[in-house]
Amino acid sequence: MKAEGKPLPRYLNILFWLLVVGICSWILVWGDYSFYKTWRQKVQLQELNESVSKLKAVNDSLRQENERLKTSPEAAEKAAREQFGLTKEGEKVFRFVPAPPTNKGEEDK
């Protein structure tokens, strides 16, 4: 035989379900260690790790370039010529300036 008791009043039933939904939403969304915040931090960590990897690659290439410029006089001379426009004594340098763009509308008139 089943013991039947008084059914709970409707407002207590609604209050119970609101409490359950509130606790679940706190766990999933709003809490300090909620699933949403944990997921966002994981995504940010992946993005930061990718950024660190790219920066390490750039750092390594710059370190190699620095070492090459320190040890090779030819590389240092090439860098001085290309980056700073330096020339040897008696050398002539020709610089070609591109022509300014022309407007098509003015040519037709």
Protein backbone atom coordinates (compact mmCIF):
# COMPACT_ATOMS: atom_id res chain seq x y z
CA MET A 1 0.00 0.00 0.00
CA LYS A 2 1.08 3.41 -0.88
CA ALA A 3 1.04 6.12 1.72
CA GLU A 4 -0.66 9.14 0.30
CA GLY A 5 -0.04 12.49 1.89
CA LYS A 6 -1.32 15.91 1.24
CA PRO A 7 -0.08 17.34 -2.03
CA LEU A 8 2.18 20.36 -1.65
CA PRO A 9 0.65 23.74 -2.29
CA ARG A 10 1.21 25.09 -5.81
CA TYR A 11 3.40 28.01 -4.69
CA LEU A 12 5.82 25.60 -2.95
CA ASN A 13 6.04 23.52 -6.12
CA ILE A 14 6.79 26.66 -8.18
CA LEU A 15 9.29 27.86 -5.57
CA PHE A 16 11.05 24.48 -5.66
CA TRP A 17 11.45 24.56 -9.45
CA LEU A 18 12.58 28.18 -9.44
CA LEU A 19 15.21 27.23 -6.88
CA VAL A 20 16.37 24.28 -9.03
CA VAL A 21 16.56 26.47 -12.15
CA GLY A 22 18.39 29.19 -10.21
CA ILE A 23 21.00 26.78 -8.83
CA CYS A 24 21.53 25.18 -12.25
CA SER A 25 21.91 28.57 -13.95
CA TRP A 26 24.35 29.68 -11.24
CA ILE A 27 26.44 26.57 -11.82
CA LEU A 28 26.34 26.92 -15.61
CA VAL A 29 26.58 30.69 -16.14
CA TRP A 30 27.00 33.07 -13.21
CA GLY A 31 29.22 31.41 -10.62
CA ASP A 32 32.93 32.15 -10.22
CA TYR A 33 33.78 28.66 -11.43
CA SER A 34 30.85 28.25 -13.81
CA PHE A 35 31.12 26.11 -16.90
CA TYR A 36 30.84 29.19 -19.12
CA LYS A 37 33.66 31.07 -17.40
CA THR A 38 35.82 27.96 -17.37
CA TRP A 39 35.21 27.47 -21.10
CA ARG A 40 36.03 31.14 -21.86
CA GLN A 41 39.28 30.88 -19.90
CA LYS A 42 40.20 27.73 -21.80
CA VAL A 43 39.63 29.51 -25.13
CA GLN A 44 41.69 32.50 -23.95
CA LEU A 45 44.48 30.17 -22.84
CA GLN A 46 44.57 28.56 -26.29
CA GLU A 47 44.70 31.98 -27.96
CA LEU A 48 47.51 33.11 -25.66
CA ASN A 49 49.46 29.90 -26.30
CA GLU A 50 49.17 30.49 -30.06
CA SER A 51 50.34 34.07 -29.59
CA VAL A 52 53.29 32.91 -27.50
CA SER A 53 54.26 30.38 -30.17
CA LYS A 54 54.20 33.06 -32.88
CA LEU A 55 56.23 35.46 -30.75
CA LYS A 56 58.78 32.75 -29.99
CA ALA A 57 59.19 32.11 -33.71
CA VAL A 58 59.69 35.82 -34.38
CA ASN A 59 62.13 36.04 -31.47
CA ASP A 60 64.13 33.10 -32.80
CA SER A 61 64.32 34.58 -36.30
CA LEU A 62 65.44 37.93 -34.88
CA ARG A 63 68.04 36.18 -32.74
CA GLN A 64 69.40 34.38 -35.83
CA GLU A 65 69.45 37.64 -37.81
CA ASN A 66 71.28 39.37 -34.97
CA GLU A 67 73.86 36.61 -34.81
CA ARG A 68 74.29 36.68 -38.58
CA LEU A 69 74.82 40.45 -38.55
CA LYS A 70 77.39 40.14 -35.75
CA THR A 71 79.43 37.41 -37.43
CA SER A 72 79.18 38.18 -41.16
CA PRO A 73 80.56 41.47 -42.51
CA GLU A 74 78.80 40.88 -45.83
CA ALA A 75 75.44 40.60 -44.09
CA ALA A 76 76.10 43.75 -42.09
CA GLU A 77 77.06 45.64 -45.26
CA LYS A 78 73.96 44.39 -47.08
CA ALA A 79 71.72 45.45 -44.19
CA ALA A 80 73.37 48.89 -44.04
CA ARG A 81 72.86 49.37 -47.76
CA GLU A 82 69.25 48.16 -47.90
CA GLN A 83 67.87 49.53 -44.66
CA PHE A 84 69.81 52.76 -44.23
CA GLY A 85 70.75 53.62 -47.82
CA LEU A 86 74.48 53.78 -47.09
CA THR A 87 76.95 53.67 -49.98
CA LYS A 88 80.65 53.12 -50.45
CA GLU A 89 82.87 56.02 -51.38
CA GLY A 90 82.69 56.73 -55.10
CA GLU A 91 79.52 54.72 -55.65
CA LYS A 92 76.58 56.13 -57.55
CA VAL A 93 73.05 55.27 -56.46
CA PHE A 94 70.06 55.61 -58.72
CA ARG A 95 66.65 55.84 -57.09
CA PHE A 96 63.59 55.37 -59.21
CA VAL A 97 60.52 57.20 -57.99
CA PRO A 98 57.21 55.78 -59.26
CA ALA A 99 55.10 58.12 -61.35
CA PRO A 100 52.14 59.68 -59.56
CA PRO A 101 48.82 58.01 -60.30
CA THR A 102 46.76 59.71 -62.96
CA ASN A 103 43.04 60.23 -62.75
CA LYS A 104 41.15 58.63 -65.64
CA GLY A 105 38.42 61.28 -65.52
CA GLU A 106 40.84 64.14 -66.22
CA GLU A 107 42.39 62.43 -69.28
CA ASP A 108 39.04 62.13 -71.05
CA LYS A 109 38.40 65.92 -70.97
